[in-house]
Amino acid sequence: MATLQSLDPYTTMFAQFAQKTGPIVLANTFFVPEERTESFLALFRRQAEFMKAQPGFVSLQMHEGTADSRLLMNIAVWESTEALATAFASPEFQRMVAESPDDVVSYPHIFQQIDV
């Protein structure tokens, strides 16, 4: 299973799930070894299809790093942290998460829009 790391060392993903807020953006950066890219993306597409069917899902985009970077970034918009947390905790999604190779590292973080 992929290693889950906190982007912010003081705020875990699971602590963020406890905060009731929305709409939110999930930015999840993945380090994916080159030889795993195609199989990772195939698995991600299955995960994305599942998430798109969940209540509270709004949109999602996957991006890749430039200059031969091994980073991929998923940007997903949800109506609320509660909707995302419910979808993430579902047994079906967790089974798919368990299929990720051990050498993939995931850095998820939840954001909310602020006025600037």
N, C-alpha and C. Protein backbone atom coordinates (compact mmCIF):
# COMPACT_ATOMS: atom_id res chain seq x y z
N MET A 1 0.86 -1.18 0.00
CA MET A 1 0.00 0.00 0.00
C MET A 1 0.90 1.24 0.00
N ALA A 2 0.46 2.29 -0.67
CA ALA A 2 1.22 3.54 -0.73
C ALA A 2 1.43 4.09 0.67
N THR A 3 2.52 4.79 0.84
CA THR A 3 2.81 5.46 2.10
C THR A 3 2.09 6.80 2.13
N LEU A 4 1.36 7.08 3.19
CA LEU A 4 0.64 8.34 3.36
C LEU A 4 1.48 9.24 4.25
N GLN A 5 1.87 10.41 3.75
CA GLN A 5 2.66 11.38 4.50
C GLN A 5 1.87 12.68 4.61
N SER A 6 2.04 13.36 5.74
CA SER A 6 1.38 14.67 5.90
C SER A 6 2.23 15.74 5.24
N LEU A 7 1.61 16.54 4.40
CA LEU A 7 2.30 17.67 3.79
C LEU A 7 2.64 18.70 4.86
N ASP A 8 1.73 18.90 5.78
CA ASP A 8 1.92 19.79 6.93
C ASP A 8 2.21 18.90 8.14
N PRO A 9 3.41 18.97 8.71
CA PRO A 9 3.74 18.06 9.81
C PRO A 9 2.90 18.26 11.07
N TYR A 10 2.15 19.35 11.13
CA TYR A 10 1.34 19.64 12.32
C TYR A 10 -0.14 19.29 12.13
N THR A 11 -0.53 18.95 10.89
CA THR A 11 -1.94 18.73 10.61
C THR A 11 -2.09 17.50 9.72
N THR A 12 -2.55 16.42 10.29
CA THR A 12 -2.74 15.21 9.49
C THR A 12 -4.01 15.30 8.65
N MET A 13 -4.07 14.46 7.65
CA MET A 13 -5.27 14.37 6.82
C MET A 13 -6.48 13.99 7.68
N PHE A 14 -6.28 13.08 8.62
CA PHE A 14 -7.40 12.62 9.44
C PHE A 14 -7.87 13.70 10.40
N ALA A 15 -6.97 14.56 10.86
CA ALA A 15 -7.38 15.71 11.67
C ALA A 15 -8.21 16.66 10.82
N GLN A 16 -7.85 16.80 9.56
CA GLN A 16 -8.60 17.68 8.67
C GLN A 16 -10.00 17.12 8.40
N PHE A 17 -10.12 15.80 8.34
CA PHE A 17 -11.44 15.20 8.14
C PHE A 17 -12.40 15.58 9.27
N ALA A 18 -11.88 15.85 10.45
CA ALA A 18 -12.73 16.15 11.61
C ALA A 18 -13.31 17.56 11.55
N GLN A 19 -12.69 18.44 10.78
CA GLN A 19 -13.20 19.82 10.69
C GLN A 19 -14.33 19.87 9.67
N LYS A 20 -15.47 20.35 10.08
CA LYS A 20 -16.64 20.46 9.20
C LYS A 20 -16.55 21.76 8.43
N THR A 21 -16.17 21.68 7.18
CA THR A 21 -16.04 22.86 6.36
C THR A 21 -16.30 22.51 4.90
N GLY A 22 -16.52 23.50 4.11
CA GLY A 22 -16.71 23.26 2.69
C GLY A 22 -17.17 24.52 2.00
N PRO A 23 -17.06 24.61 0.72
CA PRO A 23 -16.44 23.62 -0.15
C PRO A 23 -14.93 23.55 0.10
N ILE A 24 -14.34 22.43 -0.30
CA ILE A 24 -12.92 22.22 -0.06
C ILE A 24 -12.24 21.70 -1.33
N VAL A 25 -10.92 21.84 -1.33
CA VAL A 25 -10.08 21.30 -2.39
C VAL A 25 -9.11 20.32 -1.74
N LEU A 26 -9.05 19.12 -2.26
CA LEU A 26 -8.05 18.15 -1.85
C LEU A 26 -6.93 18.22 -2.87
N ALA A 27 -5.73 18.58 -2.41
CA ALA A 27 -4.54 18.55 -3.26
C ALA A 27 -3.71 17.38 -2.78
N ASN A 28 -3.56 16.38 -3.63
CA ASN A 28 -2.83 15.18 -3.25
C ASN A 28 -1.68 14.99 -4.23
N THR A 29 -0.45 15.19 -3.72
CA THR A 29 0.74 15.01 -4.52
C THR A 29 1.28 13.61 -4.30
N PHE A 30 1.61 12.94 -5.38
CA PHE A 30 2.13 11.58 -5.33
C PHE A 30 3.54 11.53 -5.89
N PHE A 31 4.43 10.84 -5.20
CA PHE A 31 5.72 10.48 -5.78
C PHE A 31 5.55 9.07 -6.33
N VAL A 32 5.75 8.92 -7.64
CA VAL A 32 5.53 7.63 -8.30
C VAL A 32 6.80 7.26 -9.08
N PRO A 33 7.46 6.16 -8.71
CA PRO A 33 8.62 5.73 -9.49
C PRO A 33 8.25 5.55 -10.97
N GLU A 34 9.18 5.87 -11.84
CA GLU A 34 8.92 5.86 -13.28
C GLU A 34 8.31 4.54 -13.76
N GLU A 35 8.82 3.43 -13.27
CA GLU A 35 8.33 2.13 -13.73
C GLU A 35 6.92 1.82 -13.24
N ARG A 36 6.38 2.63 -12.33
CA ARG A 36 5.04 2.41 -11.79
C ARG A 36 4.00 3.37 -12.36
N THR A 37 4.41 4.33 -13.17
CA THR A 37 3.50 5.39 -13.60
C THR A 37 2.26 4.85 -14.29
N GLU A 38 2.41 4.00 -15.28
CA GLU A 38 1.24 3.52 -16.03
C GLU A 38 0.29 2.71 -15.15
N SER A 39 0.83 1.82 -14.32
CA SER A 39 -0.06 1.02 -13.46
C SER A 39 -0.70 1.90 -12.39
N PHE A 40 0.05 2.89 -11.88
CA PHE A 40 -0.53 3.81 -10.89
C PHE A 40 -1.69 4.59 -11.52
N LEU A 41 -1.49 5.11 -12.72
CA LEU A 41 -2.55 5.88 -13.37
C LEU A 41 -3.78 5.01 -13.68
N ALA A 42 -3.57 3.76 -14.03
CA ALA A 42 -4.70 2.86 -14.26
C ALA A 42 -5.50 2.67 -12.97
N LEU A 43 -4.81 2.47 -11.86
CA LEU A 43 -5.48 2.35 -10.56
C LEU A 43 -6.16 3.67 -10.20
N PHE A 44 -5.48 4.78 -10.41
CA PHE A 44 -6.05 6.08 -10.07
C PHE A 44 -7.34 6.31 -10.86
N ARG A 45 -7.36 5.92 -12.12
CA ARG A 45 -8.59 6.09 -12.93
C ARG A 45 -9.76 5.32 -12.32
N ARG A 46 -9.50 4.12 -11.82
CA ARG A 46 -10.55 3.35 -11.15
C ARG A 46 -11.01 4.07 -9.88
N GLN A 47 -10.05 4.57 -9.11
CA GLN A 47 -10.39 5.30 -7.89
C GLN A 47 -11.20 6.56 -8.23
N ALA A 48 -10.79 7.26 -9.28
CA ALA A 48 -11.49 8.49 -9.68
C ALA A 48 -12.92 8.20 -10.10
N GLU A 49 -13.14 7.12 -10.84
CA GLU A 49 -14.51 6.76 -11.24
C GLU A 49 -15.37 6.50 -10.01
N PHE A 50 -14.82 5.84 -9.02
CA PHE A 50 -15.55 5.60 -7.78
C PHE A 50 -15.89 6.93 -7.11
N MET A 51 -14.90 7.80 -6.96
CA MET A 51 -15.11 9.07 -6.26
C MET A 51 -16.11 9.96 -7.00
N LYS A 52 -16.07 9.96 -8.32
CA LYS A 52 -17.00 10.79 -9.11
C LYS A 52 -18.45 10.43 -8.85
N ALA A 53 -18.71 9.20 -8.43
CA ALA A 53 -20.08 8.75 -8.18
C ALA A 53 -20.53 9.00 -6.74
N GLN A 54 -19.66 9.56 -5.90
CA GLN A 54 -19.99 9.75 -4.49
C GLN A 54 -20.70 11.08 -4.25
N PRO A 55 -21.62 11.11 -3.28
CA PRO A 55 -22.30 12.36 -2.93
C PRO A 55 -21.28 13.42 -2.48
N GLY A 56 -21.44 14.61 -2.98
CA GLY A 56 -20.58 15.72 -2.57
C GLY A 56 -19.37 15.93 -3.47
N PHE A 57 -19.13 15.02 -4.41
CA PHE A 57 -18.02 15.19 -5.34
C PHE A 57 -18.37 16.29 -6.33
N VAL A 58 -17.39 17.16 -6.64
CA VAL A 58 -17.62 18.24 -7.60
C VAL A 58 -16.77 18.05 -8.86
N SER A 59 -15.45 17.93 -8.71
CA SER A 59 -14.58 17.81 -9.89
C SER A 59 -13.21 17.27 -9.49
N LEU A 60 -12.45 16.88 -10.51
CA LEU A 60 -11.09 16.42 -10.26
C LEU A 60 -10.25 16.57 -11.50
N GLN A 61 -8.96 16.85 -11.28
CA GLN A 61 -7.98 16.94 -12.35
C GLN A 61 -6.68 16.31 -11.86
N MET A 62 -5.97 15.63 -12.75
CA MET A 62 -4.66 15.09 -12.43
C MET A 62 -3.63 15.87 -13.24
N HIS A 63 -2.52 16.19 -12.61
CA HIS A 63 -1.44 16.94 -13.26
C HIS A 63 -0.13 16.18 -13.06
N GLU A 64 0.79 16.36 -14.00
CA GLU A 64 2.10 15.75 -13.84
C GLU A 64 3.17 16.83 -13.77
N GLY A 65 4.22 16.54 -13.01
CA GLY A 65 5.34 17.46 -12.92
C GLY A 65 6.06 17.56 -14.25
N THR A 66 6.75 18.65 -14.46
CA THR A 66 7.49 18.87 -15.69
C THR A 66 8.94 18.43 -15.52
N ALA A 67 9.67 18.44 -16.60
CA ALA A 67 11.11 18.16 -16.61
C ALA A 67 11.44 16.79 -16.02
N ASP A 68 10.68 15.78 -16.42
CA ASP A 68 10.90 14.40 -15.97
C ASP A 68 10.70 14.20 -14.48
N SER A 69 9.92 15.07 -13.86
CA SER A 69 9.58 14.90 -12.44
C SER A 69 8.80 13.61 -12.26
N ARG A 70 8.92 13.00 -11.12
CA ARG A 70 8.20 11.78 -10.78
C ARG A 70 6.94 12.12 -9.96
N LEU A 71 6.55 13.38 -9.94
CA LEU A 71 5.39 13.80 -9.16
C LEU A 71 4.14 13.90 -10.03
N LEU A 72 3.04 13.45 -9.44
CA LEU A 72 1.71 13.64 -10.01
C LEU A 72 0.89 14.35 -8.94
N MET A 73 -0.05 15.20 -9.36
CA MET A 73 -0.89 15.89 -8.38
C MET A 73 -2.34 15.83 -8.79
N ASN A 74 -3.17 15.33 -7.87
CA ASN A 74 -4.61 15.29 -8.04
C ASN A 74 -5.20 16.50 -7.32
N ILE A 75 -6.02 17.26 -8.02
CA ILE A 75 -6.75 18.38 -7.43
C ILE A 75 -8.23 18.02 -7.53
N ALA A 76 -8.86 17.81 -6.37
CA ALA A 76 -10.27 17.41 -6.35
C ALA A 76 -11.08 18.40 -5.52
N VAL A 77 -12.22 18.78 -6.02
CA VAL A 77 -13.11 19.70 -5.32
C VAL A 77 -14.29 18.89 -4.77
N TRP A 78 -14.60 19.14 -3.51
CA TRP A 78 -15.70 18.47 -2.81
C TRP A 78 -16.58 19.52 -2.14
N GLU A 79 -17.85 19.18 -1.96
CA GLU A 79 -18.77 20.09 -1.27
C GLU A 79 -18.39 20.30 0.19
N SER A 80 -17.78 19.28 0.82
CA SER A 80 -17.45 19.38 2.24
C SER A 80 -16.40 18.34 2.63
N THR A 81 -15.75 18.59 3.75
CA THR A 81 -14.82 17.58 4.28
C THR A 81 -15.57 16.31 4.65
N GLU A 82 -16.79 16.46 5.14
CA GLU A 82 -17.58 15.30 5.53
C GLU A 82 -17.84 14.38 4.33
N ALA A 83 -18.17 14.96 3.17
CA ALA A 83 -18.42 14.16 1.97
C ALA A 83 -17.15 13.43 1.55
N LEU A 84 -16.02 14.13 1.56
CA LEU A 84 -14.75 13.50 1.20
C LEU A 84 -14.39 12.39 2.19
N ALA A 85 -14.52 12.67 3.47
CA ALA A 85 -14.17 11.67 4.50
C ALA A 85 -15.03 10.42 4.36
N THR A 86 -16.31 10.59 4.08
CA THR A 86 -17.20 9.44 3.92
C THR A 86 -16.78 8.60 2.72
N ALA A 87 -16.50 9.25 1.60
CA ALA A 87 -16.07 8.52 0.40
C ALA A 87 -14.73 7.83 0.64
N PHE A 88 -13.80 8.52 1.27
CA PHE A 88 -12.47 7.97 1.53
C PHE A 88 -12.54 6.74 2.42
N ALA A 89 -13.43 6.76 3.41
CA ALA A 89 -13.53 5.67 4.38
C ALA A 89 -14.30 4.46 3.85
N SER A 90 -14.93 4.58 2.71
CA SER A 90 -15.74 3.46 2.21
C SER A 90 -14.87 2.23 2.00
N PRO A 91 -15.37 1.07 2.34
CA PRO A 91 -14.60 -0.17 2.15
C PRO A 91 -14.14 -0.39 0.71
N GLU A 92 -14.99 -0.04 -0.25
CA GLU A 92 -14.61 -0.23 -1.66
C GLU A 92 -13.40 0.64 -2.02
N PHE A 93 -13.41 1.91 -1.59
CA PHE A 93 -12.27 2.78 -1.89
C PHE A 93 -11.03 2.30 -1.15
N GLN A 94 -11.17 1.89 0.09
CA GLN A 94 -10.02 1.41 0.86
C GLN A 94 -9.41 0.16 0.23
N ARG A 95 -10.21 -0.70 -0.38
CA ARG A 95 -9.66 -1.86 -1.09
C ARG A 95 -8.79 -1.40 -2.27
N MET A 96 -9.24 -0.37 -2.97
CA MET A 96 -8.44 0.15 -4.08
C MET A 96 -7.16 0.81 -3.59
N VAL A 97 -7.25 1.55 -2.48
CA VAL A 97 -6.06 2.19 -1.90
C VAL A 97 -5.02 1.14 -1.55
N ALA A 98 -5.45 0.01 -1.03
CA ALA A 98 -4.54 -1.06 -0.63
C ALA A 98 -3.79 -1.65 -1.83
N GLU A 99 -4.28 -1.43 -3.04
CA GLU A 99 -3.61 -1.94 -4.24
C GLU A 99 -2.41 -1.09 -4.66
N SER A 100 -2.27 0.11 -4.12
CA SER A 100 -1.15 0.98 -4.50
C SER A 100 0.17 0.38 -4.06
N PRO A 101 1.18 0.44 -4.91
CA PRO A 101 2.49 -0.13 -4.55
C PRO A 101 3.12 0.58 -3.34
N ASP A 102 3.92 -0.16 -2.61
CA ASP A 102 4.56 0.38 -1.41
C ASP A 102 5.52 1.53 -1.69
N ASP A 103 6.06 1.62 -2.90
CA ASP A 103 7.03 2.67 -3.19
C ASP A 103 6.40 3.95 -3.73
N VAL A 104 5.07 4.02 -3.73
CA VAL A 104 4.38 5.27 -4.04
C VAL A 104 4.14 6.00 -2.72
N VAL A 105 4.39 7.32 -2.72
CA VAL A 105 4.18 8.13 -1.53
C VAL A 105 3.13 9.18 -1.86
N SER A 106 2.14 9.32 -0.96
CA SER A 106 1.03 10.24 -1.14
C SER A 106 1.10 11.34 -0.09
N TYR A 107 0.95 12.60 -0.52
CA TYR A 107 0.99 13.77 0.37
C TYR A 107 -0.32 14.56 0.22
N PRO A 108 -1.40 14.11 0.85
CA PRO A 108 -2.69 14.79 0.71
C PRO A 108 -2.84 15.95 1.69
N HIS A 109 -3.57 16.96 1.27
CA HIS A 109 -3.91 18.06 2.18
C HIS A 109 -5.20 18.70 1.69
N ILE A 110 -6.02 19.11 2.62
CA ILE A 110 -7.31 19.75 2.33
C ILE A 110 -7.17 21.26 2.49
N PHE A 111 -7.73 21.99 1.54
CA PHE A 111 -7.67 23.45 1.57
C PHE A 111 -9.07 24.01 1.40
N GLN A 112 -9.27 25.20 1.95
CA GLN A 112 -10.50 25.95 1.69
C GLN A 112 -10.12 27.31 1.15
N GLN A 113 -10.99 27.88 0.34
CA GLN A 113 -10.71 29.15 -0.30
C GLN A 113 -10.75 30.27 0.72
N ILE A 114 -9.86 31.24 0.55
CA ILE A 114 -9.87 32.46 1.36
C ILE A 114 -9.88 33.67 0.44
N ASP A 115 -10.36 34.77 0.94
CA ASP A 115 -10.37 36.01 0.16
C ASP A 115 -9.02 36.69 0.26
N VAL A 116 -8.52 37.17 -0.86
CA VAL A 116 -7.25 37.90 -0.86
C VAL A 116 -7.41 39.23 -1.56
